[in-house]
C-alpha atoms as a PDB file:
ATOM      1  CA  UNK A   1      -5.197   8.719   7.161  1.00  0.00           C
ATOM      2  CA  UNK A   2      -3.328   5.915   5.371  1.00  0.00           C
ATOM      3  CA  UNK A   3      -5.895   3.390   6.560  1.00  0.00           C
ATOM      4  CA  UNK A   4      -8.666   5.552   5.135  1.00  0.00           C
ATOM      5  CA  UNK A   5      -6.671   5.887   1.916  1.00  0.00           C
ATOM      6  CA  UNK A   6      -6.231   2.117   1.630  1.00  0.00           C
ATOM      7  CA  UNK A   7      -9.870   1.343   2.431  1.00  0.00           C
ATOM      8  CA  UNK A   8     -11.133   3.999   0.032  1.00  0.00           C
ATOM      9  CA  UNK A   9      -8.859   2.735  -2.752  1.00  0.00           C
ATOM     10  CA  UNK A  10     -10.228  -0.795  -2.213  1.00  0.00           C
ATOM     11  CA  UNK A  11     -13.864   0.304  -2.327  1.00  0.00           C
ATOM     12  CA  UNK A  12     -14.436   0.635   1.424  1.00  0.00           C
ATOM     13  CA  UNK A  13     -13.280  -2.810   2.551  1.00  0.00           C
ATOM     14  CA  UNK A  14      -9.893  -4.500   2.756  1.00  0.00           C
ATOM     15  CA  UNK A  15      -8.198  -7.486   4.412  1.00  0.00           C
ATOM     16  CA  UNK A  16      -6.104  -6.525   7.434  1.00  0.00           C
ATOM     17  CA  UNK A  17      -3.122  -8.404   6.005  1.00  0.00           C
ATOM     18  CA  UNK A  18      -3.340  -6.295   2.837  1.00  0.00           C
ATOM     19  CA  UNK A  19      -3.482  -3.069   4.859  1.00  0.00           C
ATOM     20  CA  UNK A  20      -0.386  -4.164   6.818  1.00  0.00           C
ATOM     21  CA  UNK A  21       1.419  -4.928   3.579  1.00  0.00           C
ATOM     22  CA  UNK A  22       0.342  -1.654   1.965  1.00  0.00           C
ATOM     23  CA  UNK A  23       1.391   0.437   4.967  1.00  0.00           C
ATOM     24  CA  UNK A  24       4.461  -1.680   5.882  1.00  0.00           C
ATOM     25  CA  UNK A  25       3.461  -1.889   9.540  1.00  0.00           C
ATOM     26  CA  UNK A  26       3.146  -4.825  11.960  1.00  0.00           C
ATOM     27  CA  UNK A  27      -0.282  -6.290  12.737  1.00  0.00           C
ATOM     28  CA  UNK A  28      -0.129  -5.088  16.358  1.00  0.00           C
ATOM     29  CA  UNK A  29       0.274  -1.458  15.253  1.00  0.00           C
ATOM     30  CA  UNK A  30      -2.572  -1.767  12.771  1.00  0.00           C
ATOM     31  CA  UNK A  31      -4.841  -3.415  15.337  1.00  0.00           C
ATOM     32  CA  UNK A  32      -4.357  -0.592  17.839  1.00  0.00           C
ATOM     33  CA  UNK A  33      -5.179   1.994  15.171  1.00  0.00           C
ATOM     34  CA  UNK A  34      -8.209   0.017  14.007  1.00  0.00           C
ATOM     35  CA  UNK A  35      -9.528  -0.333  17.575  1.00  0.00           C
ATOM     36  CA  UNK A  36      -9.485   3.448  17.907  1.00  0.00           C
ATOM     37  CA  UNK A  37     -11.261   3.878  14.566  1.00  0.00           C
ATOM     38  CA  UNK A  38     -13.790   1.187  15.498  1.00  0.00           C
ATOM     39  CA  UNK A  39     -14.438   2.915  18.833  1.00  0.00           C
ATOM     40  CA  UNK A  40     -15.136   6.149  16.929  1.00  0.00           C
ATOM     41  CA  UNK A  41     -17.600   4.282  14.697  1.00  0.00           C
ATOM     42  CA  UNK A  42     -15.596   4.780  11.484  1.00  0.00           C
ATOM     43  CA  UNK A  43     -15.019   1.097  10.697  1.00  0.00           C
ATOM     44  CA  UNK A  44     -16.107  -2.424  11.539  1.00  0.00           C
ATOM     45  CA  UNK A  45     -13.584  -5.244  11.776  1.00  0.00           C
ATOM     46  CA  UNK A  46     -14.823  -8.783  11.406  1.00  0.00           C
ATOM     47  CA  UNK A  47     -13.861 -12.213  10.110  1.00  0.00           C
ATOM     48  CA  UNK A  48     -14.622 -12.996   6.494  1.00  0.00           C
ATOM     49  CA  UNK A  49     -17.526 -15.374   5.931  1.00  0.00           C
ATOM     50  CA  UNK A  50     -16.430 -19.024   6.253  1.00  0.00           C
ATOM     51  CA  UNK A  51     -13.055 -17.977   7.696  1.00  0.00           C
ATOM     52  CA  UNK A  52     -11.710 -17.904  11.221  1.00  0.00           C
ATOM     53  CA  UNK A  53      -8.341 -16.580  10.102  1.00  0.00           C
ATOM     54  CA  UNK A  54      -8.835 -13.621   7.752  1.00  0.00           C
ATOM     55  CA  UNK A  55     -10.271 -10.374   9.052  1.00  0.00           C
ATOM     56  CA  UNK A  56     -11.356  -7.391   7.003  1.00  0.00           C
ATOM     57  CA  UNK A  57     -11.907  -3.756   7.886  1.00  0.00           C
ATOM     58  CA  UNK A  58     -15.032  -2.175   6.414  1.00  0.00           C
ATOM     59  CA  UNK A  59     -15.824   1.528   6.403  1.00  0.00           C
ATOM     60  CA  UNK A  60     -19.107   2.495   8.038  1.00  0.00           C
ATOM     61  CA  UNK A  61     -21.205   5.298   6.594  1.00  0.00           C
ATOM     62  CA  UNK A  62     -19.562   7.725   9.020  1.00  0.00           C
ATOM     63  CA  UNK A  63     -16.144   6.326   8.126  1.00  0.00           C
ATOM     64  CA  UNK A  64     -16.827   6.656   4.405  1.00  0.00           C
ATOM     65  CA  UNK A  65     -17.596  10.361   4.887  1.00  0.00           C
ATOM     66  CA  UNK A  66     -14.396  10.804   6.883  1.00  0.00           C
ATOM     67  CA  UNK A  67     -12.366   8.870   4.305  1.00  0.00           C
ATOM     68  CA  UNK A  68     -13.733  10.941   1.419  1.00  0.00           C
ATOM     69  CA  UNK A  69     -13.008  14.160   3.312  1.00  0.00           C
ATOM     70  CA  UNK A  70      -9.383  13.223   3.996  1.00  0.00           C
ATOM     71  CA  UNK A  71      -7.972  10.443   1.836  1.00  0.00           C
ATOM     72  CA  UNK A  72     -10.443  11.115  -0.968  1.00  0.00           C
ATOM     73  CA  UNK A  73      -9.171  14.662  -1.217  1.00  0.00           C
ATOM     74  CA  UNK A  74      -5.594  13.365  -1.402  1.00  0.00           C
ATOM     75  CA  UNK A  75      -6.545  10.893  -4.158  1.00  0.00           C
ATOM     76  CA  UNK A  76      -8.223  13.715  -6.060  1.00  0.00           C
ATOM     77  CA  UNK A  77      -5.075  15.863  -5.903  1.00  0.00           C
ATOM     78  CA  UNK A  78      -2.856  12.952  -6.945  1.00  0.00           C
ATOM     79  CA  UNK A  79      -5.092  12.171  -9.911  1.00  0.00           C
ATOM     80  CA  UNK A  80      -5.202  15.810 -10.949  1.00  0.00           C
ATOM     81  CA  UNK A  81      -1.411  16.092 -10.733  1.00  0.00           C
ATOM     82  CA  UNK A  82      -0.802  12.895 -12.714  1.00  0.00           C
ATOM     83  CA  UNK A  83      -3.308  13.776 -15.423  1.00  0.00           C
ATOM     84  CA  UNK A  84      -1.456  17.034 -16.016  1.00  0.00           C
ATOM     85  CA  UNK A  85       1.556  14.972 -17.174  1.00  0.00           C
ATOM     86  CA  UNK A  86       1.899  13.343 -20.558  1.00  0.00           C
ATOM     87  CA  UNK A  87       2.186   9.543 -20.704  1.00  0.00           C
ATOM     88  CA  UNK A  88       5.912   9.874 -21.346  1.00  0.00           C
ATOM     89  CA  UNK A  89       6.352  12.179 -18.334  1.00  0.00           C
ATOM     90  CA  UNK A  90       4.467   9.733 -16.097  1.00  0.00           C
ATOM     91  CA  UNK A  91       6.720   6.886 -17.259  1.00  0.00           C
ATOM     92  CA  UNK A  92       9.813   9.023 -16.603  1.00  0.00           C
ATOM     93  CA  UNK A  93       8.502   9.992 -13.152  1.00  0.00           C
ATOM     94  CA  UNK A  94       7.909   6.396 -12.098  1.00  0.00           C
ATOM     95  CA  UNK A  95      11.188   5.278 -13.603  1.00  0.00           C
ATOM     96  CA  UNK A  96      13.049   7.933 -11.612  1.00  0.00           C
ATOM     97  CA  UNK A  97      11.165   7.062  -8.415  1.00  0.00           C
ATOM     98  CA  UNK A  98      12.068   3.407  -8.836  1.00  0.00           C
ATOM     99  CA  UNK A  99      15.709   4.306  -9.470  1.00  0.00           C
ATOM    100  CA  UNK A 100      15.722   6.631  -6.448  1.00  0.00           C
ATOM    101  CA  UNK A 101      14.309   3.873  -4.231  1.00  0.00           C
ATOM    102  CA  UNK A 102      16.884   1.374  -5.478  1.00  0.00           C
ATOM    103  CA  UNK A 103      19.716   3.854  -4.824  1.00  0.00           C
ATOM    104  CA  UNK A 104      18.428   4.614  -1.328  1.00  0.00           C
ATOM    105  CA  UNK A 105      18.323   0.910  -0.513  1.00  0.00           C
ATOM    106  CA  UNK A 106      21.811   0.423  -1.931  1.00  0.00           C
ATOM    107  CA  UNK A 107      23.050   3.430   0.039  1.00  0.00           C
ATOM    108  CA  UNK A 108      21.632   2.203   3.365  1.00  0.00           C
ATOM    109  CA  UNK A 109      22.772  -1.438   3.150  1.00  0.00           C
ATOM    110  CA  UNK A 110      26.332  -0.718   4.465  1.00  0.00           C
ATOM    111  CA  UNK A 111      24.869   1.142   7.452  1.00  0.00           C
ATOM    112  CA  UNK A 112      22.457  -1.688   8.208  1.00  0.00           C
ATOM    113  CA  UNK A 113      25.234  -4.278   7.959  1.00  0.00           C
ATOM    114  CA  UNK A 114      27.464  -2.198  10.247  1.00  0.00           C
ATOM    115  CA  UNK A 115      24.687  -2.039  12.838  1.00  0.00           C
ATOM    116  CA  UNK A 116      24.139  -5.808  12.639  1.00  0.00           C
ATOM    117  CA  UNK A 117      27.868  -6.556  12.972  1.00  0.00           C
ATOM    118  CA  UNK A 118      28.165  -4.133  15.895  1.00  0.00           C
ATOM    119  CA  UNK A 119      25.203  -5.770  17.640  1.00  0.00           C
ATOM    120  CA  UNK A 120      26.586  -9.286  17.135  1.00  0.00           C
ATOM    121  CA  UNK A 121      29.999  -8.128  18.378  1.00  0.00           C
ATOM    122  CA  UNK A 122      28.391  -6.623  21.482  1.00  0.00           C
ATOM    123  CA  UNK A 123      26.532  -9.848  22.227  1.00  0.00           C
ATOM    124  CA  UNK A 124      29.582 -12.072  21.707  1.00  0.00           C
ATOM    125  CA  UNK A 125      31.785  -9.717  23.722  1.00  0.00           C
ATOM    126  CA  UNK A 126      29.235  -9.711  26.536  1.00  0.00           C
ATOM    127  CA  UNK A 127      29.077 -13.501  26.582  1.00  0.00           C
ATOM    128  CA  UNK A 128      32.863 -13.821  26.643  1.00  0.00           C
ATOM    129  CA  UNK A 129      33.303 -11.234  29.402  1.00  0.00           C
ATOM    130  CA  UNK A 130      30.487 -12.680  31.518  1.00  0.00           C
ATOM    131  CA  UNK A 131      31.967 -16.178  31.121  1.00  0.00           C
ATOM    132  CA  UNK A 132      35.501 -15.257  32.188  1.00  0.00           C
ATOM    133  CA  UNK A 133      35.048 -12.319  34.533  1.00  0.00           C
ATOM    134  CA  UNK A 134      34.336 -14.518  37.532  1.00  0.00           C
ATOM    135  CA  UNK A 135      37.288 -16.834  36.868  1.00  0.00           C
ATOM    136  CA  UNK A 136      40.078 -14.328  36.223  1.00  0.00           C
ATOM    137  CA  UNK A 137      41.737 -12.182  38.827  1.00  0.00           C
ATOM    138  CA  UNK A 138      42.735  -8.791  37.552  1.00  0.00           C
ATOM    139  CA  UNK A 139      46.007  -7.554  39.030  1.00  0.00           C
ATOM    140  CA  UNK A 140      45.851  -4.210  40.781  1.00  0.00           C
END
């Protein structure tokens, strides 16, 4: 549904690199999802004119109907919810969301660093043990 959402927000067509960036997924994951959607006849994926590097996904007529039925409905609800807020409330909402995201990142950094250090330790320990295990005799 996120691909539909992205394509619908961009007017029915979007570069694959932009979709990857928007969804924060690797190209391989996106390509497998797009192949399935292309097989169903919802999109067409092709190179941009005069480019052998940049590909774009374009909604077909069938895909546009599907996108409007799913992602379009979501966009409609989001717009309705946001328009019920005053400008000040919208600014507060986005300010709080940004602060929340920053705090979550700050909160997870120690865990990420611990995992990295543990992984490096495991690799170094493995190298050291594999280097010396054949040369040392362990007393019984």
